N, C-alpha and C. Protein backbone atom coordinates (compact mmCIF):
# COMPACT_ATOMS: atom_id res chain seq x y z
N MET A 1 0.82 -1.18 0.00
CA MET A 1 0.00 0.00 0.00
C MET A 1 0.87 1.25 0.00
N ALA A 2 1.95 1.16 -0.72
CA ALA A 2 2.82 2.32 -0.81
C ALA A 2 2.16 3.40 -1.65
N GLU A 3 2.51 4.65 -1.36
CA GLU A 3 1.91 5.75 -2.10
C GLU A 3 2.41 5.74 -3.53
N THR A 4 1.51 5.86 -4.45
CA THR A 4 1.84 5.89 -5.87
C THR A 4 1.66 7.31 -6.37
N GLY A 5 2.04 7.54 -7.61
CA GLY A 5 1.85 8.85 -8.21
C GLY A 5 0.39 9.27 -8.16
N ASN A 6 -0.52 8.33 -8.40
CA ASN A 6 -1.95 8.63 -8.37
C ASN A 6 -2.40 9.02 -6.97
N GLN A 7 -1.80 8.48 -5.94
CA GLN A 7 -2.22 8.76 -4.57
C GLN A 7 -1.84 10.18 -4.14
N ARG A 8 -0.91 10.78 -4.79
CA ARG A 8 -0.54 12.15 -4.45
C ARG A 8 -1.69 13.11 -4.75
N ASN A 9 -2.59 12.73 -5.63
CA ASN A 9 -3.71 13.57 -6.02
C ASN A 9 -4.99 13.24 -5.26
N LEU A 10 -4.89 12.42 -4.24
CA LEU A 10 -6.07 12.00 -3.48
C LEU A 10 -6.56 13.11 -2.56
N THR A 11 -7.83 13.00 -2.20
CA THR A 11 -8.38 13.91 -1.20
C THR A 11 -7.81 13.54 0.17
N LYS A 12 -7.98 14.44 1.11
CA LYS A 12 -7.52 14.19 2.47
C LYS A 12 -8.19 12.93 3.04
N GLY A 13 -9.50 12.78 2.76
CA GLY A 13 -10.23 11.61 3.25
C GLY A 13 -9.69 10.31 2.69
N GLU A 14 -9.34 10.30 1.41
CA GLU A 14 -8.78 9.09 0.80
C GLU A 14 -7.40 8.78 1.35
N LYS A 15 -6.60 9.82 1.55
CA LYS A 15 -5.27 9.59 2.14
C LYS A 15 -5.40 9.00 3.53
N THR A 16 -6.38 9.47 4.29
CA THR A 16 -6.63 8.94 5.63
C THR A 16 -7.03 7.46 5.54
N LYS A 17 -7.88 7.13 4.59
CA LYS A 17 -8.29 5.73 4.43
C LYS A 17 -7.10 4.85 4.08
N TYR A 18 -6.19 5.34 3.24
CA TYR A 18 -5.00 4.56 2.92
C TYR A 18 -4.12 4.38 4.16
N ARG A 19 -4.01 5.41 4.99
CA ARG A 19 -3.25 5.29 6.25
C ARG A 19 -3.87 4.23 7.14
N LEU A 20 -5.20 4.27 7.25
CA LEU A 20 -5.91 3.28 8.05
C LEU A 20 -5.73 1.87 7.47
N ALA A 21 -5.77 1.76 6.15
CA ALA A 21 -5.59 0.46 5.51
C ALA A 21 -4.19 -0.09 5.76
N ARG A 22 -3.17 0.78 5.71
CA ARG A 22 -1.80 0.34 6.02
C ARG A 22 -1.70 -0.13 7.46
N ALA A 23 -2.35 0.59 8.38
CA ALA A 23 -2.33 0.19 9.78
C ALA A 23 -3.06 -1.13 9.97
N MET A 24 -4.19 -1.30 9.30
CA MET A 24 -4.93 -2.56 9.37
C MET A 24 -4.07 -3.70 8.86
N LYS A 25 -3.37 -3.47 7.77
CA LYS A 25 -2.48 -4.48 7.20
C LYS A 25 -1.41 -4.88 8.22
N GLU A 26 -0.84 -3.92 8.91
CA GLU A 26 0.16 -4.22 9.94
C GLU A 26 -0.44 -5.06 11.06
N CYS A 27 -1.62 -4.70 11.50
CA CYS A 27 -2.29 -5.45 12.57
C CYS A 27 -2.60 -6.88 12.14
N MET A 28 -2.92 -7.05 10.86
CA MET A 28 -3.28 -8.37 10.35
C MET A 28 -2.10 -9.33 10.31
N LYS A 29 -0.89 -8.83 10.42
CA LYS A 29 0.29 -9.69 10.44
C LYS A 29 0.33 -10.54 11.70
N THR A 30 -0.28 -10.03 12.78
CA THR A 30 -0.18 -10.74 14.06
C THR A 30 -1.53 -11.09 14.68
N THR A 31 -2.61 -10.52 14.14
CA THR A 31 -3.92 -10.68 14.77
C THR A 31 -4.97 -10.99 13.71
N SER A 32 -5.90 -11.88 14.02
CA SER A 32 -6.98 -12.18 13.08
C SER A 32 -7.88 -10.96 12.95
N VAL A 33 -8.55 -10.85 11.82
CA VAL A 33 -9.39 -9.69 11.53
C VAL A 33 -10.42 -9.47 12.64
N GLU A 34 -11.09 -10.52 13.04
CA GLU A 34 -12.15 -10.36 14.04
C GLU A 34 -11.62 -9.91 15.40
N ASN A 35 -10.33 -10.13 15.66
CA ASN A 35 -9.75 -9.73 16.95
C ASN A 35 -9.03 -8.39 16.92
N ILE A 36 -8.93 -7.78 15.76
CA ILE A 36 -8.31 -6.45 15.66
C ILE A 36 -9.33 -5.42 16.14
N THR A 37 -8.86 -4.52 16.98
CA THR A 37 -9.75 -3.48 17.48
C THR A 37 -9.52 -2.18 16.72
N VAL A 38 -10.52 -1.34 16.73
CA VAL A 38 -10.41 -0.02 16.11
C VAL A 38 -9.29 0.76 16.79
N LYS A 39 -9.17 0.61 18.09
CA LYS A 39 -8.12 1.29 18.84
C LYS A 39 -6.74 0.89 18.33
N GLN A 40 -6.53 -0.39 18.08
CA GLN A 40 -5.23 -0.84 17.56
C GLN A 40 -4.91 -0.17 16.23
N ILE A 41 -5.91 -0.12 15.36
CA ILE A 41 -5.70 0.45 14.02
C ILE A 41 -5.40 1.94 14.11
N THR A 42 -6.22 2.67 14.87
CA THR A 42 -6.04 4.13 14.94
C THR A 42 -4.75 4.49 15.66
N GLU A 43 -4.37 3.74 16.68
CA GLU A 43 -3.11 4.03 17.37
C GLU A 43 -1.92 3.77 16.46
N LYS A 44 -1.99 2.73 15.65
CA LYS A 44 -0.88 2.39 14.77
C LYS A 44 -0.62 3.49 13.74
N CYS A 45 -1.66 4.16 13.29
CA CYS A 45 -1.46 5.22 12.29
C CYS A 45 -1.66 6.62 12.88
N GLU A 46 -1.73 6.68 14.20
CA GLU A 46 -1.80 7.94 14.93
C GLU A 46 -2.97 8.82 14.49
N LEU A 47 -4.13 8.20 14.38
CA LEU A 47 -5.35 8.93 14.07
C LEU A 47 -6.32 8.75 15.23
N THR A 48 -7.33 9.58 15.27
CA THR A 48 -8.32 9.47 16.33
C THR A 48 -9.46 8.55 15.89
N ARG A 49 -10.20 8.09 16.85
CA ARG A 49 -11.33 7.19 16.60
C ARG A 49 -12.36 7.83 15.67
N GLN A 50 -12.52 9.13 15.72
CA GLN A 50 -13.51 9.82 14.90
C GLN A 50 -13.23 9.69 13.40
N THR A 51 -11.98 9.42 13.04
CA THR A 51 -11.62 9.33 11.63
C THR A 51 -11.89 7.95 11.06
N PHE A 52 -12.30 7.01 11.91
CA PHE A 52 -12.37 5.62 11.50
C PHE A 52 -13.75 5.19 11.05
N LEU A 53 -13.78 4.36 10.02
CA LEU A 53 -14.99 3.70 9.60
C LEU A 53 -14.93 2.25 10.08
N ASP A 54 -15.91 1.47 9.85
CA ASP A 54 -15.93 0.07 10.23
C ASP A 54 -14.73 -0.66 9.62
N LYS A 55 -14.09 -1.55 10.38
CA LYS A 55 -12.89 -2.21 9.87
C LYS A 55 -13.19 -3.08 8.65
N TYR A 56 -14.36 -3.65 8.59
CA TYR A 56 -14.73 -4.45 7.42
C TYR A 56 -15.02 -3.56 6.22
N ASP A 57 -15.60 -2.40 6.45
CA ASP A 57 -15.79 -1.43 5.37
C ASP A 57 -14.43 -0.96 4.85
N LEU A 58 -13.46 -0.82 5.74
CA LEU A 58 -12.12 -0.42 5.35
C LEU A 58 -11.49 -1.47 4.44
N ILE A 59 -11.60 -2.73 4.81
CA ILE A 59 -11.07 -3.81 3.99
C ILE A 59 -11.74 -3.82 2.62
N ASN A 60 -13.06 -3.70 2.62
CA ASN A 60 -13.81 -3.71 1.36
C ASN A 60 -13.47 -2.48 0.51
N TRP A 61 -13.28 -1.33 1.15
CA TRP A 61 -12.90 -0.11 0.43
C TRP A 61 -11.56 -0.32 -0.26
N TYR A 62 -10.58 -0.88 0.46
CA TYR A 62 -9.26 -1.09 -0.12
C TYR A 62 -9.35 -2.07 -1.29
N PHE A 63 -10.14 -3.11 -1.13
CA PHE A 63 -10.34 -4.08 -2.21
C PHE A 63 -10.94 -3.39 -3.43
N ASP A 64 -11.93 -2.51 -3.21
CA ASP A 64 -12.54 -1.77 -4.32
C ASP A 64 -11.52 -0.90 -5.03
N LYS A 65 -10.62 -0.28 -4.27
CA LYS A 65 -9.57 0.55 -4.87
C LYS A 65 -8.65 -0.31 -5.72
N LEU A 66 -8.30 -1.48 -5.22
CA LEU A 66 -7.46 -2.40 -5.95
C LEU A 66 -8.17 -2.84 -7.24
N LEU A 67 -9.44 -3.14 -7.14
CA LEU A 67 -10.22 -3.56 -8.30
C LEU A 67 -10.28 -2.44 -9.34
N ALA A 68 -10.54 -1.22 -8.91
CA ALA A 68 -10.59 -0.08 -9.83
C ALA A 68 -9.24 0.12 -10.51
N LYS A 69 -8.18 -0.03 -9.75
CA LYS A 69 -6.84 0.13 -10.31
C LYS A 69 -6.56 -0.92 -11.37
N SER A 70 -7.03 -2.15 -11.13
CA SER A 70 -6.77 -3.22 -12.09
C SER A 70 -7.54 -3.02 -13.39
N PHE A 71 -8.65 -2.28 -13.33
CA PHE A 71 -9.46 -2.05 -14.52
C PHE A 71 -9.26 -0.66 -15.14
N GLU A 72 -8.35 0.15 -14.60
CA GLU A 72 -8.24 1.54 -15.06
C GLU A 72 -7.79 1.68 -16.51
N HIS A 73 -7.16 0.68 -17.05
CA HIS A 73 -6.68 0.79 -18.43
C HIS A 73 -7.60 0.12 -19.45
N MET A 74 -8.78 -0.29 -19.00
CA MET A 74 -9.74 -0.91 -19.91
C MET A 74 -10.08 0.10 -21.01
N GLY A 75 -10.21 -0.39 -22.21
CA GLY A 75 -10.52 0.48 -23.34
C GLY A 75 -9.27 1.10 -23.94
N GLN A 76 -8.13 0.80 -23.37
CA GLN A 76 -6.87 1.32 -23.89
C GLN A 76 -6.01 0.17 -24.37
N GLY A 77 -6.65 -0.80 -25.02
CA GLY A 77 -5.91 -1.93 -25.56
C GLY A 77 -5.82 -3.11 -24.61
N LYS A 78 -6.30 -2.96 -23.38
CA LYS A 78 -6.26 -4.06 -22.43
C LYS A 78 -7.58 -4.83 -22.50
N THR A 79 -7.51 -6.11 -22.28
CA THR A 79 -8.71 -6.94 -22.29
C THR A 79 -9.21 -7.15 -20.88
N VAL A 80 -10.42 -7.69 -20.76
CA VAL A 80 -10.96 -8.04 -19.45
C VAL A 80 -10.04 -9.07 -18.80
N TYR A 81 -9.54 -9.99 -19.58
CA TYR A 81 -8.60 -11.00 -19.06
C TYR A 81 -7.38 -10.32 -18.45
N ASP A 82 -6.80 -9.35 -19.17
CA ASP A 82 -5.63 -8.63 -18.65
C ASP A 82 -5.95 -7.93 -17.34
N ALA A 83 -7.14 -7.32 -17.27
CA ALA A 83 -7.54 -6.62 -16.05
C ALA A 83 -7.71 -7.60 -14.89
N LEU A 84 -8.28 -8.76 -15.17
CA LEU A 84 -8.43 -9.77 -14.11
C LEU A 84 -7.08 -10.30 -13.64
N VAL A 85 -6.18 -10.51 -14.57
CA VAL A 85 -4.82 -10.94 -14.20
C VAL A 85 -4.18 -9.88 -13.31
N LYS A 86 -4.37 -8.60 -13.66
CA LYS A 86 -3.82 -7.50 -12.86
C LYS A 86 -4.44 -7.51 -11.47
N LYS A 87 -5.76 -7.73 -11.38
CA LYS A 87 -6.44 -7.80 -10.09
C LYS A 87 -5.80 -8.86 -9.21
N PHE A 88 -5.59 -10.03 -9.77
CA PHE A 88 -5.04 -11.11 -8.97
C PHE A 88 -3.55 -10.91 -8.68
N THR A 89 -2.87 -10.16 -9.54
CA THR A 89 -1.48 -9.78 -9.25
C THR A 89 -1.43 -8.87 -8.04
N TYR A 90 -2.35 -7.89 -7.98
CA TYR A 90 -2.41 -7.00 -6.82
C TYR A 90 -2.74 -7.79 -5.56
N ILE A 91 -3.66 -8.71 -5.67
CA ILE A 91 -4.01 -9.53 -4.51
C ILE A 91 -2.81 -10.35 -4.06
N GLN A 92 -2.07 -10.91 -5.02
CA GLN A 92 -0.88 -11.70 -4.67
C GLN A 92 0.17 -10.82 -3.99
N GLU A 93 0.34 -9.58 -4.45
CA GLU A 93 1.30 -8.67 -3.83
C GLU A 93 0.91 -8.34 -2.40
N GLU A 94 -0.37 -8.35 -2.11
CA GLU A 94 -0.90 -8.07 -0.77
C GLU A 94 -1.43 -9.37 -0.14
N GLN A 95 -0.75 -10.47 -0.42
CA GLN A 95 -1.22 -11.80 -0.05
C GLN A 95 -1.59 -11.93 1.43
N LYS A 96 -0.76 -11.45 2.32
CA LYS A 96 -1.04 -11.59 3.75
C LYS A 96 -2.29 -10.82 4.14
N PHE A 97 -2.43 -9.62 3.61
CA PHE A 97 -3.60 -8.80 3.90
C PHE A 97 -4.88 -9.49 3.44
N PHE A 98 -4.90 -9.92 2.18
CA PHE A 98 -6.11 -10.51 1.64
C PHE A 98 -6.36 -11.92 2.15
N SER A 99 -5.31 -12.64 2.45
CA SER A 99 -5.50 -13.97 3.04
C SER A 99 -6.22 -13.84 4.37
N ALA A 100 -5.79 -12.89 5.18
CA ALA A 100 -6.45 -12.66 6.47
C ALA A 100 -7.86 -12.12 6.26
N ALA A 101 -8.04 -11.24 5.30
CA ALA A 101 -9.35 -10.64 5.05
C ALA A 101 -10.35 -11.67 4.54
N PHE A 102 -9.92 -12.55 3.65
CA PHE A 102 -10.84 -13.56 3.11
C PHE A 102 -11.12 -14.68 4.10
N ARG A 103 -10.29 -14.83 5.11
CA ARG A 103 -10.52 -15.85 6.13
C ARG A 103 -11.77 -15.54 6.95
N TYR A 104 -12.03 -14.27 7.17
CA TYR A 104 -13.22 -13.85 7.91
C TYR A 104 -14.42 -13.98 6.99
N ASP A 105 -15.45 -14.69 7.43
CA ASP A 105 -16.57 -15.00 6.53
C ASP A 105 -17.93 -14.67 7.14
N GLU A 106 -17.99 -13.63 7.94
CA GLU A 106 -19.25 -13.24 8.58
C GLU A 106 -19.84 -12.04 7.84
N GLN A 107 -20.79 -11.40 8.48
CA GLN A 107 -21.46 -10.23 7.90
C GLN A 107 -20.44 -9.16 7.51
N ASN A 108 -20.64 -8.56 6.34
CA ASN A 108 -19.81 -7.47 5.84
C ASN A 108 -18.38 -7.91 5.53
N SER A 109 -18.17 -9.21 5.31
CA SER A 109 -16.83 -9.72 5.03
C SER A 109 -16.41 -9.41 3.60
N LEU A 110 -15.11 -9.47 3.36
CA LEU A 110 -14.59 -9.25 2.01
C LEU A 110 -15.09 -10.35 1.08
N ARG A 111 -15.17 -11.56 1.57
CA ARG A 111 -15.66 -12.67 0.75
C ARG A 111 -17.08 -12.36 0.25
N GLN A 112 -17.93 -11.91 1.15
CA GLN A 112 -19.30 -11.56 0.80
C GLN A 112 -19.31 -10.37 -0.17
N HIS A 113 -18.50 -9.38 0.11
CA HIS A 113 -18.42 -8.17 -0.73
C HIS A 113 -17.99 -8.53 -2.15
N ASP A 114 -16.94 -9.35 -2.28
CA ASP A 114 -16.44 -9.75 -3.59
C ASP A 114 -17.50 -10.55 -4.33
N PHE A 115 -18.19 -11.44 -3.65
CA PHE A 115 -19.24 -12.24 -4.26
C PHE A 115 -20.36 -11.34 -4.79
N GLU A 116 -20.72 -10.32 -4.02
CA GLU A 116 -21.77 -9.37 -4.47
C GLU A 116 -21.31 -8.60 -5.71
N LEU A 117 -20.02 -8.25 -5.76
CA LEU A 117 -19.50 -7.56 -6.94
C LEU A 117 -19.56 -8.45 -8.18
N ILE A 118 -19.27 -9.72 -8.00
CA ILE A 118 -19.30 -10.66 -9.11
C ILE A 118 -20.71 -10.81 -9.66
N LEU A 119 -21.68 -10.85 -8.76
CA LEU A 119 -23.08 -11.03 -9.17
C LEU A 119 -23.72 -9.77 -9.72
N ALA A 120 -23.12 -8.62 -9.45
CA ALA A 120 -23.73 -7.34 -9.88
C ALA A 120 -23.66 -7.15 -11.37
């Protein structure tokens, strides 16, 4: 989740979400998703509780950003296949994050979110 050239043009709110996502990723290295607290995430990135959204919404938001990034070149000579390969390349690069995220399978989970996107 390193800052890219595109991230320099983000709104303050989006930059905050990326900071929270990086902190969540760090927490996921040692703690299961369901056991990570909002306090752990906000302390890790030095933000206040008021700046935080639901941790599952945060995971789903980051996944949506990854998905959008993988499809951003559609119509510019890239195929749907190429975009899907890119999506899974991003997931592989963030393997620990997504492995932990997909392990959780309750309400508002990434697994459920991704399934809803597929069916849409």
